[in-house]
N, C-alpha and C. Protein backbone atom coordinates (compact mmCIF):
# COMPACT_ATOMS: atom_id res chain seq x y z
N MET A 1 6.42 4.48 -14.17
CA MET A 1 4.76 4.25 -14.86
C MET A 1 4.13 2.83 -14.12
N ILE A 2 2.96 2.95 -13.44
CA ILE A 2 2.23 1.95 -12.82
C ILE A 2 1.80 0.65 -14.17
N GLU A 3 2.17 -0.32 -13.47
CA GLU A 3 1.82 -1.66 -14.42
C GLU A 3 1.00 -2.40 -13.78
N ALA A 4 -0.10 -2.73 -14.26
CA ALA A 4 -1.08 -3.74 -13.86
C ALA A 4 -0.59 -4.97 -14.25
N ILE A 5 -0.47 -5.84 -13.13
CA ILE A 5 0.15 -7.14 -13.23
C ILE A 5 -0.89 -8.52 -12.60
N GLY A 6 -1.94 -8.00 -12.49
CA GLY A 6 -3.00 -8.91 -12.19
C GLY A 6 -4.67 -8.31 -12.25
N ARG A 7 -5.71 -8.79 -11.73
CA ARG A 7 -6.82 -7.96 -11.66
C ARG A 7 -7.06 -6.68 -10.79
N LEU A 8 -6.43 -6.80 -9.74
CA LEU A 8 -6.27 -5.50 -8.75
C LEU A 8 -4.66 -5.49 -8.27
N GLN A 9 -3.87 -6.15 -8.90
CA GLN A 9 -2.48 -5.80 -8.56
C GLN A 9 -1.44 -5.17 -9.46
N PHE A 10 -1.06 -4.11 -8.84
CA PHE A 10 -0.21 -3.12 -9.82
C PHE A 10 1.46 -3.45 -9.19
N ARG A 11 2.38 -2.99 -10.30
CA ARG A 11 3.63 -2.82 -9.80
C ARG A 11 3.71 -1.25 -9.88
N VAL A 12 4.21 -0.62 -8.78
CA VAL A 12 4.22 0.79 -8.58
C VAL A 12 5.92 1.31 -8.67
N PRO A 13 6.13 2.29 -9.45
CA PRO A 13 7.47 2.51 -9.30
C PRO A 13 8.01 3.18 -8.02
N SER A 14 9.21 2.88 -7.50
CA SER A 14 9.87 3.74 -6.33
C SER A 14 10.39 4.92 -6.74
N SER A 15 10.41 5.93 -5.99
CA SER A 15 10.84 7.10 -6.12
C SER A 15 12.44 7.16 -5.79
N LYS A 16 12.82 6.03 -5.23
CA LYS A 16 14.15 6.06 -5.34
C LYS A 16 15.00 5.11 -6.15
N GLY A 17 14.11 4.62 -7.08
CA GLY A 17 14.70 3.53 -8.23
C GLY A 17 14.58 2.18 -7.90
N GLY A 18 15.34 1.37 -8.55
CA GLY A 18 14.97 -0.04 -8.42
C GLY A 18 13.77 -0.62 -9.02
N GLU A 19 13.30 -1.85 -8.64
CA GLU A 19 12.07 -2.41 -9.01
C GLU A 19 10.87 -1.97 -8.79
N GLY A 20 10.59 -1.05 -7.67
CA GLY A 20 9.21 -0.75 -7.36
C GLY A 20 8.51 -1.69 -6.35
N TYR A 21 7.26 -1.36 -6.02
CA TYR A 21 6.82 -1.99 -5.32
C TYR A 21 5.46 -2.90 -5.96
N ILE A 22 4.94 -3.71 -5.09
CA ILE A 22 3.74 -4.49 -5.56
C ILE A 22 2.35 -4.15 -4.85
N VAL A 23 1.41 -3.77 -5.36
CA VAL A 23 -0.01 -2.94 -4.62
C VAL A 23 -0.92 -4.12 -4.73
N ASP A 24 -1.43 -4.33 -3.75
CA ASP A 24 -2.57 -5.34 -4.00
C ASP A 24 -3.91 -5.08 -3.40
N PHE A 25 -4.84 -4.57 -4.37
CA PHE A 25 -6.03 -3.89 -3.82
C PHE A 25 -7.09 -5.13 -3.21
N GLU A 26 -6.84 -5.99 -3.31
CA GLU A 26 -7.70 -7.37 -3.01
C GLU A 26 -7.70 -7.62 -1.52
N GLU A 27 -6.71 -6.95 -1.00
CA GLU A 27 -6.29 -7.41 0.53
C GLU A 27 -7.02 -6.60 1.34
N ASN A 28 -7.15 -6.49 2.56
CA ASN A 28 -7.63 -5.74 3.47
C ASN A 28 -8.89 -5.12 3.21
N ASP A 29 -9.83 -5.70 2.82
CA ASP A 29 -11.02 -5.15 2.40
C ASP A 29 -11.04 -3.94 1.42
N GLY A 30 -10.00 -4.07 0.60
CA GLY A 30 -10.09 -3.07 -0.57
C GLY A 30 -9.04 -1.90 0.02
N ASN A 31 -8.47 -2.03 1.45
CA ASN A 31 -7.74 -0.97 1.63
C ASN A 31 -6.41 -1.14 0.92
N GLY A 32 -5.99 -2.21 0.47
CA GLY A 32 -4.74 -2.45 -0.30
C GLY A 32 -3.57 -2.94 0.92
N ILE A 33 -2.56 -3.63 0.27
CA ILE A 33 -1.50 -3.81 0.94
C ILE A 33 -0.20 -3.33 -0.10
N CYS A 34 1.11 -3.03 0.47
CA CYS A 34 1.96 -2.63 -0.30
C CYS A 34 3.24 -3.50 0.20
N HIS A 35 4.15 -3.74 -0.52
CA HIS A 35 5.34 -4.33 0.00
C HIS A 35 6.69 -3.65 0.15
N CYS A 36 6.18 -2.49 0.52
CA CYS A 36 7.10 -1.77 0.85
C CYS A 36 7.62 -1.39 2.28
N TRP A 37 8.59 -0.99 3.06
CA TRP A 37 8.90 -0.90 4.16
C TRP A 37 8.11 -0.28 5.02
N ASP A 38 7.37 1.08 4.65
CA ASP A 38 6.54 1.93 5.31
C ASP A 38 5.24 1.17 5.65
N PHE A 39 4.90 0.68 4.48
CA PHE A 39 3.25 -0.37 4.66
C PHE A 39 3.67 -1.52 5.83
N ILE A 40 4.73 -2.31 5.56
CA ILE A 40 4.93 -3.41 6.35
C ILE A 40 5.22 -3.22 7.71
N SER A 41 6.02 -1.86 7.98
CA SER A 41 6.47 -1.86 9.35
C SER A 41 5.35 -0.97 10.18
N ARG A 42 4.70 -0.24 9.44
CA ARG A 42 3.82 0.86 10.14
C ARG A 42 2.09 0.80 9.60
N ARG A 43 2.18 0.70 8.59
CA ARG A 43 0.52 0.87 7.96
C ARG A 43 -0.33 -0.21 8.05
N GLN A 44 0.31 -1.42 7.96
CA GLN A 44 -0.48 -2.49 8.35
C GLN A 44 -1.07 -2.73 9.76
N ALA A 45 -0.19 -2.35 10.67
CA ALA A 45 -0.39 -2.15 11.96
C ALA A 45 -1.51 -1.48 12.40
N ASN A 46 -1.46 -0.23 11.71
CA ASN A 46 -2.56 0.80 11.95
C ASN A 46 -3.66 0.38 11.30
N TYR A 47 -3.69 -0.39 10.24
CA TYR A 47 -4.94 -0.81 9.64
C TYR A 47 -5.60 -2.22 10.63
N ASP A 48 -4.62 -3.07 10.92
CA ASP A 48 -5.16 -3.89 11.75
C ASP A 48 -5.68 -3.71 13.19
N GLU A 49 -5.31 -2.28 13.68
CA GLU A 49 -5.78 -1.64 14.90
C GLU A 49 -7.49 -0.80 14.32
N GLN A 50 -7.37 -0.59 13.37
CA GLN A 50 -8.46 0.41 13.01
C GLN A 50 -9.54 -0.18 12.34
N LYS A 51 -9.09 -1.08 11.25
CA LYS A 51 -10.13 -1.83 10.22
C LYS A 51 -10.76 -0.60 9.41
N ALA A 52 -10.22 0.18 9.03
CA ALA A 52 -10.83 1.46 8.21
C ALA A 52 -9.92 1.78 7.40
N THR A 53 -10.04 2.50 6.24
CA THR A 53 -9.14 2.94 5.36
C THR A 53 -8.92 4.54 5.94
N VAL A 54 -7.60 4.70 5.93
CA VAL A 54 -7.19 6.09 6.43
C VAL A 54 -6.13 6.56 5.40
N ARG A 55 -6.46 7.65 4.54
CA ARG A 55 -5.32 7.87 3.63
C ARG A 55 -4.02 8.45 4.10
N TYR A 56 -3.06 8.29 3.19
CA TYR A 56 -1.71 8.49 3.59
C TYR A 56 -1.43 9.97 3.67
N GLY A 57 -0.77 10.51 4.61
CA GLY A 57 -0.59 11.72 4.96
C GLY A 57 -1.58 12.22 6.17
N THR A 58 -2.15 11.32 6.77
CA THR A 58 -2.73 11.84 7.90
C THR A 58 -2.44 10.84 9.10
N PRO A 59 -2.72 11.45 10.23
CA PRO A 59 -2.35 10.43 11.21
C PRO A 59 -3.05 9.14 11.53
N LYS A 60 -2.24 8.31 11.72
CA LYS A 60 -2.51 6.67 11.71
C LYS A 60 -2.94 6.43 10.18
N ALA A 61 -2.49 6.92 9.28
CA ALA A 61 -2.85 6.27 7.94
C ALA A 61 -2.68 4.85 7.87
N THR A 62 -3.53 4.21 6.96
CA THR A 62 -3.41 2.79 6.75
C THR A 62 -2.91 2.65 5.49
N GLN A 63 -2.70 3.67 4.56
CA GLN A 63 -2.30 3.43 3.11
C GLN A 63 -0.86 4.09 3.13
N CYS A 64 0.20 3.42 2.29
CA CYS A 64 1.61 4.34 2.14
C CYS A 64 1.18 5.16 0.87
N LYS A 65 2.36 5.79 0.43
CA LYS A 65 2.20 6.72 -0.53
C LYS A 65 2.15 5.89 -2.08
N HIS A 66 2.40 4.80 -1.89
CA HIS A 66 2.25 3.64 -3.10
C HIS A 66 0.89 3.49 -3.49
N ILE A 67 0.21 3.38 -2.66
CA ILE A 67 -1.51 3.09 -2.68
C ILE A 67 -2.22 4.61 -2.69
């Protein structure tokens, strides 16, 4: 279950269990950030390069599946 924890911040469950991830839509001009490994290791770099929102599941995506 997705839980609102701030104005544009949400705790999103992990498909692997555990605490889940924090997604913050106030960051990256509304593209959002996530604290998962995929976002930190790949998606943020894609966003920094493109400065545009590219949906998850497409080449050079700037959003992870939690966003």
